[in-house]
Protein backbone atom coordinates (compact mmCIF):
# COMPACT_ATOMS: atom_id res chain seq x y z
CA MET A 1 94.09 47.24 183.34
CA ARG A 2 93.09 49.31 180.31
CA LYS A 3 93.94 52.52 182.15
CA SER A 4 97.38 51.14 183.04
CA LEU A 5 98.10 50.23 179.43
CA ALA A 6 96.93 53.67 178.26
CA LEU A 7 99.16 55.38 180.83
CA GLN A 8 102.11 53.24 179.76
CA ALA A 9 101.63 54.30 176.14
CA GLU A 10 101.41 57.97 177.15
CA MET A 11 104.58 57.85 179.23
CA THR A 12 106.43 55.89 176.55
CA GLU A 13 105.72 58.72 174.14
CA GLU A 14 106.78 61.29 176.74
CA PHE A 15 110.08 59.63 177.69
CA GLY A 16 110.94 58.08 174.34
CA THR A 17 111.23 54.63 175.92
CA CYS A 18 108.99 52.32 177.93
CA VAL A 19 109.81 53.17 181.55
CA PHE A 20 107.58 50.72 183.43
CA ASP A 21 105.94 47.35 182.96
CA VAL A 22 102.23 46.66 183.23
CA THR A 23 101.42 43.36 184.92
CA LEU A 24 97.89 42.18 184.20
CA ASP A 25 96.63 40.22 187.18
CA CYS A 26 94.90 36.87 187.32
CA GLU A 27 95.68 35.84 190.90
CA ASP A 28 93.76 38.65 192.62
CA GLY A 29 92.03 40.06 189.55
CA ALA A 30 89.96 37.06 188.51
CA PRO A 31 86.60 36.43 190.24
CA VAL A 32 86.15 33.00 191.78
CA GLY A 33 84.67 30.79 189.11
CA GLY A 34 85.56 33.23 186.37
CA GLU A 35 89.27 32.41 186.09
CA ALA A 36 89.07 31.03 182.54
CA ASP A 37 87.18 34.06 181.22
CA HIS A 38 89.62 36.39 182.93
CA ALA A 39 92.55 34.58 181.31
CA VAL A 40 90.95 35.19 177.92
CA LEU A 41 90.47 38.88 178.79
CA VAL A 42 94.09 39.50 179.78
CA THR A 43 95.26 37.66 176.67
CA GLU A 44 93.19 40.00 174.51
CA LEU A 45 94.51 43.05 176.37
CA ALA A 46 98.11 41.92 175.97
CA LEU A 47 97.62 41.34 172.26
CA GLY A 48 96.07 44.78 171.89
CA ALA A 49 98.82 46.69 173.70
CA ALA A 50 100.72 49.44 171.90
CA PRO A 51 103.86 48.52 169.91
CA GLY A 52 106.89 48.40 172.18
CA ALA A 53 104.77 47.97 175.29
CA ARG A 54 106.15 45.94 178.18
CA VAL A 55 103.27 43.77 179.32
CA ALA A 56 103.35 40.80 181.68
CA VAL A 57 100.71 38.66 183.37
CA ARG A 58 100.57 37.34 186.93
CA VAL A 59 98.91 33.94 186.83
CA HIS A 60 97.61 31.84 189.71
CA PRO A 61 100.08 29.85 191.87
CA VAL A 62 101.25 26.51 190.51
CA ASP A 63 99.08 24.58 193.00
CA HIS A 64 95.89 26.47 192.07
CA PRO A 65 93.33 24.63 189.90
CA ALA A 66 93.36 27.51 187.39
CA PHE A 67 97.12 27.55 186.87
CA ASP A 68 97.30 25.24 183.85
CA VAL A 69 94.40 26.98 182.10
CA ASP A 70 95.98 30.37 182.82
CA VAL A 71 99.27 29.40 181.23
CA ALA A 72 97.79 27.51 178.30
CA THR A 73 95.49 30.41 177.44
CA ILE A 74 97.77 33.35 178.12
CA ALA A 75 101.19 32.03 177.18
CA GLY A 76 99.72 30.03 174.33
CA GLY A 77 97.87 33.01 172.91
CA ALA A 78 100.07 35.97 173.80
CA GLY A 79 103.42 34.53 174.82
CA HIS A 80 105.10 36.13 171.81
CA VAL A 81 104.20 39.67 172.99
CA LEU A 82 104.67 39.27 176.76
CA THR A 83 107.86 40.36 178.48
CA HIS A 84 107.51 37.68 181.16
CA LEU A 85 105.07 35.58 183.16
CA MET A 86 104.78 36.31 186.88
CA VAL A 87 104.23 33.33 189.18
CA PRO A 88 103.15 34.04 192.77
CA LYS A 89 103.84 32.05 195.93
CA VAL A 90 106.81 30.14 194.58
CA GLU A 91 108.19 27.96 197.36
CA SER A 92 110.90 25.91 195.67
CA VAL A 93 112.85 25.14 192.52
CA ALA A 94 110.28 22.41 191.87
CA ASP A 95 107.61 25.11 191.56
CA VAL A 96 109.75 26.95 189.01
CA ASP A 97 110.25 23.71 187.08
CA ARG A 98 106.49 23.20 187.09
CA ALA A 99 105.90 26.71 185.71
CA ALA A 100 108.63 26.37 183.08
CA ALA A 101 107.20 23.05 181.91
CA ALA A 102 103.75 24.64 181.56
CA LEU A 103 105.22 27.46 179.48
CA ASP A 104 107.03 25.00 177.26
CA ALA A 105 103.85 22.97 176.79
CA ALA A 106 102.08 26.18 175.70
CA GLY A 107 104.79 26.87 173.14
CA ALA A 108 106.28 29.83 175.03
CA THR A 109 109.72 28.26 175.32
CA ALA A 110 111.58 31.58 175.38
CA LEU A 111 109.31 33.43 177.84
CA PRO A 112 111.13 34.21 181.12
CA LEU A 113 109.62 33.81 184.57
CA HIS A 114 109.38 36.39 187.34
CA VAL A 115 108.54 34.85 190.70
CA LEU A 116 107.12 36.19 193.94
CA ILE A 117 108.89 35.21 197.16
CA GLU A 118 106.22 35.35 199.86
CA SER A 119 107.08 33.00 202.73
CA PRO A 120 109.96 32.18 205.11
CA THR A 121 110.52 28.91 203.24
CA ALA A 122 110.78 30.71 199.92
CA VAL A 123 113.23 33.24 201.36
CA HIS A 124 115.33 30.36 202.69
CA ARG A 125 115.49 28.93 199.16
CA ALA A 126 115.87 32.27 197.37
CA PHE A 127 119.43 31.58 196.15
CA ASP A 128 118.42 28.26 194.60
CA ILE A 129 115.33 29.80 192.99
CA ALA A 130 117.33 32.72 191.61
CA ALA A 131 119.83 30.28 190.10
CA HIS A 132 117.17 28.71 187.88
CA PRO A 133 117.96 29.60 184.25
CA ARG A 134 114.32 30.44 183.43
CA VAL A 135 113.98 32.94 186.31
CA GLN A 136 114.68 36.55 185.36
CA SER A 137 113.55 38.35 188.52
CA LEU A 138 112.51 37.81 192.14
CA SER A 139 109.87 40.04 193.73
CA PHE A 140 109.22 40.29 197.46
CA GLY A 141 105.60 39.73 198.51
CA LEU A 142 105.47 41.74 201.73
CA MET A 143 101.92 41.19 202.94
CA ASP A 144 101.86 37.44 202.39
CA PHE A 145 105.30 37.19 203.99
CA VAL A 146 104.10 38.96 207.13
CA SER A 147 100.89 36.92 207.22
CA ALA A 148 102.89 33.69 206.89
CA HIS A 149 104.34 34.31 210.35
CA GLY A 150 101.01 33.74 212.10
CA GLY A 151 101.03 36.98 214.02
CA ALA A 152 104.69 36.81 215.08
CA ILE A 153 105.33 39.91 212.96
CA PRO A 154 102.91 42.71 213.91
CA ALA A 155 100.67 44.33 211.32
CA ASP A 156 102.99 47.33 211.35
CA GLY A 157 105.46 45.14 209.48
CA MET A 158 103.31 45.73 206.39
CA SER A 159 103.43 49.52 206.75
CA VAL A 160 105.77 51.84 204.90
CA ALA A 161 107.77 52.40 208.10
CA GLY A 162 107.58 48.94 209.64
CA GLN A 163 108.72 47.06 206.54
CA PHE A 164 112.10 48.79 206.81
CA ALA A 165 112.36 48.38 210.58
CA HIS A 166 111.26 44.87 211.53
CA PRO A 167 114.36 42.59 211.50
CA LEU A 168 112.65 39.59 209.88
CA VAL A 169 111.18 41.66 207.06
CA LEU A 170 114.40 43.55 206.49
CA ARG A 171 116.44 40.34 206.47
CA ALA A 172 114.09 38.81 203.89
CA LYS A 173 114.49 41.83 201.63
CA LEU A 174 118.27 41.69 201.88
CA ASP A 175 118.38 37.92 201.25
CA ILE A 176 116.25 38.28 198.11
CA ALA A 177 118.35 41.13 196.76
CA SER A 178 121.56 39.24 197.49
CA ALA A 179 120.25 36.06 195.82
CA CYS A 180 119.38 38.02 192.69
CA HIS A 181 122.74 39.75 192.44
CA ALA A 182 124.56 36.47 193.05
CA HIS A 183 122.96 35.02 189.91
CA GLY A 184 122.60 38.09 187.71
CA LYS A 185 118.84 38.41 188.22
CA VAL A 186 116.67 41.46 188.94
CA PRO A 187 115.45 42.12 192.50
CA SER A 188 112.07 43.86 192.57
CA HIS A 189 110.95 45.62 195.75
CA CYS A 190 107.49 45.23 197.24
CA VAL A 191 104.63 47.70 197.19
CA VAL A 192 103.92 50.64 199.46
CA THR A 193 100.21 50.42 200.22
CA GLU A 194 99.95 53.97 201.58
CA PHE A 195 99.49 55.20 198.01
CA LYS A 196 98.36 58.71 199.02
CA ASP A 197 101.52 59.39 201.05
CA LEU A 198 103.94 60.21 198.24
CA ASP A 199 106.63 61.52 200.59
CA ALA A 200 106.70 58.16 202.36
CA LEU A 201 106.78 56.40 199.01
CA ARG A 202 109.74 58.49 197.84
CA ALA A 203 111.65 57.67 201.03
CA ALA A 204 110.85 53.96 200.71
CA ALA A 205 111.84 53.81 197.04
CA LYS A 206 115.09 55.66 197.71
CA LYS A 207 115.95 53.31 200.58
CA ALA A 208 115.15 50.25 198.46
CA ALA A 209 117.36 51.51 195.64
CA ARG A 210 120.23 53.06 197.57
CA GLU A 211 120.52 50.82 200.64
CA LEU A 212 118.91 47.45 199.94
CA GLY A 213 120.17 46.80 196.42
CA TYR A 214 116.85 46.70 194.55
CA THR A 215 116.74 47.78 190.93
CA ARG A 216 112.97 47.67 190.37
CA MET A 217 109.90 48.39 192.50
CA TRP A 218 106.20 47.64 192.28
CA SER A 219 103.56 50.36 192.17
CA ILE A 220 99.86 49.91 192.93
CA HIS A 221 98.63 53.35 191.87
CA PRO A 222 99.46 55.58 188.88
CA ASP A 223 100.59 58.39 191.19
CA GLN A 224 103.40 56.16 192.48
CA ILE A 225 105.09 55.61 189.12
CA ARG A 226 106.94 58.91 188.69
CA PRO A 227 108.27 59.05 192.28
CA ILE A 228 109.57 55.48 191.92
CA LEU A 229 111.26 56.29 188.62
CA ALA A 230 112.87 59.36 190.16
CA ALA A 231 114.11 57.41 193.19
CA PHE A 232 115.65 54.63 191.09
CA ALA A 233 117.18 56.96 188.50
CA PRO A 234 120.76 58.20 188.91
CA SER A 235 121.25 61.91 189.51
CA ALA A 236 122.17 64.20 186.62
CA ARG A 237 125.64 64.59 188.13
CA GLU A 238 126.12 60.82 188.29
CA VAL A 239 125.04 60.48 184.66
CA ASP A 240 127.42 63.21 183.48
CA THR A 241 130.31 61.62 185.40
CA ALA A 242 129.54 58.15 184.06
CA ALA A 243 129.27 59.37 180.46
CA ALA A 244 132.55 61.27 180.64
CA LEU A 245 134.38 58.35 182.23
CA ILE A 246 133.07 55.79 179.73
CA GLU A 247 134.04 58.09 176.87
CA ARG A 248 137.57 58.36 178.33
CA ALA A 249 137.74 54.58 178.80
CA MET A 250 136.67 53.89 175.22
CA ALA A 251 139.33 56.28 173.94
CA ALA A 252 141.87 54.24 175.91
CA ASP A 253 140.53 50.94 174.53
CA TRP A 254 139.33 50.09 178.05
CA ALA A 255 142.81 50.31 179.55
CA PRO A 256 143.09 51.88 183.04
CA VAL A 257 142.73 55.67 183.10
CA GLN A 258 143.02 58.49 185.59
CA PHE A 259 139.77 60.42 186.03
CA ASP A 260 139.08 63.16 188.60
CA GLY A 261 142.17 62.15 190.53
CA ARG A 262 141.24 58.48 190.75
CA LEU A 263 142.40 55.38 188.93
CA HIS A 264 139.67 53.51 187.06
CA ASP A 265 139.76 50.14 185.30
CA ARG A 266 137.29 47.63 183.93
CA ALA A 267 135.69 46.95 187.30
CA SER A 268 134.57 50.55 187.67
CA TYR A 269 133.84 50.84 183.94
CA ARG A 270 131.28 48.08 184.39
CA TYR A 271 129.62 49.99 187.24
CA PHE A 272 129.39 53.26 185.33
CA TRP A 273 128.16 51.51 182.17
CA GLN A 274 125.38 49.96 184.24
CA LEU A 275 124.59 53.38 185.67
CA LEU A 276 124.07 54.72 182.14
CA GLU A 277 121.84 51.76 181.35
CA ARG A 278 119.76 52.52 184.44
CA ALA A 279 119.50 56.16 183.45
CA HIS A 280 118.31 55.18 179.98
CA GLN A 281 115.75 52.71 181.38
CA THR A 282 114.29 55.32 183.74
CA GLY A 283 113.81 57.81 180.94
CA LEU A 284 116.64 60.25 181.68
CA LEU A 285 118.10 62.22 178.80
CA LEU A 286 121.69 61.08 178.38
CA PRO A 287 124.54 63.31 177.19
CA GLU A 288 124.97 63.15 173.42
CA ALA A 289 128.09 60.98 173.54
CA ALA A 290 126.36 58.51 175.86
CA ARG A 291 123.24 58.38 173.69
CA ALA A 292 125.40 57.28 170.78
CA LEU A 293 126.57 54.29 172.81
CA PHE A 294 123.05 52.91 172.92
CA THR A 295 122.80 52.89 169.13
CA GLU A 296 125.75 50.54 168.85
CA THR A 297 126.53 47.07 170.11
CA ILE A 298 129.53 47.28 172.41
CA THR A 299 130.86 44.36 174.36
CA LEU A 300 132.61 45.34 177.54
CA ARG A 301 134.89 42.48 178.50
CA HIS A 302 135.42 42.03 182.19
């Protein structure tokens, strides 16, 4: 955890912005019987993170005996510096309500929730879960999802190739992404466990971003971070086009304009504005005119 926070600080200095979150883990990170001590440890680490750091904590599931202590300790002690609280194995809106109530009781009334969707039941309810006002993001938990099928999905469904080929896994990914976009939430793609195969990781990240509609992705090894950022970032050509079009649109007071032989209006302006936001978030250097946009508050009405 300390190494991850140190790497985040280094890359923030390199890119000029924080380009990835660090999620400190209680669910799999805490030893059995040592959950309370581990909650204290991650609270101390979160409080000691560098200024501007994006730090979150994954607590135990809502039905775990350590859940309430996790939230009371972590959200109560460090809720003001956390970006969100991650709750695994969410099965229903009732689980989200339970987590939100625990946050409120700890005094972290403004802290958003990220939830892990890890079972067929949770996928079935993904749209309702995404609609919850406290939920900011849904993440797909691949390995638990495959295991939840009792052997009906082969082990290959957890591999970098199989997770994009097996129909049930692929459908779950698409349902989660669609639920998020329906409610303005962030879909976060699952891990690639073959952390030494960076070519496979690049292909998986590109497919998640370009074909499945995901806008974030989990990493489990430091070597995976840069390839994921590159896969999710727009190309330099896309950034230049978006910056030039937005500049033209602003000059026209957001009225329709002709650009490169095509008609553009507020629907496409919204897309290209979001592309510039994504470029900024992934650490790309924007053209000078576009950089100026991020120093001002501009409301794009649509």
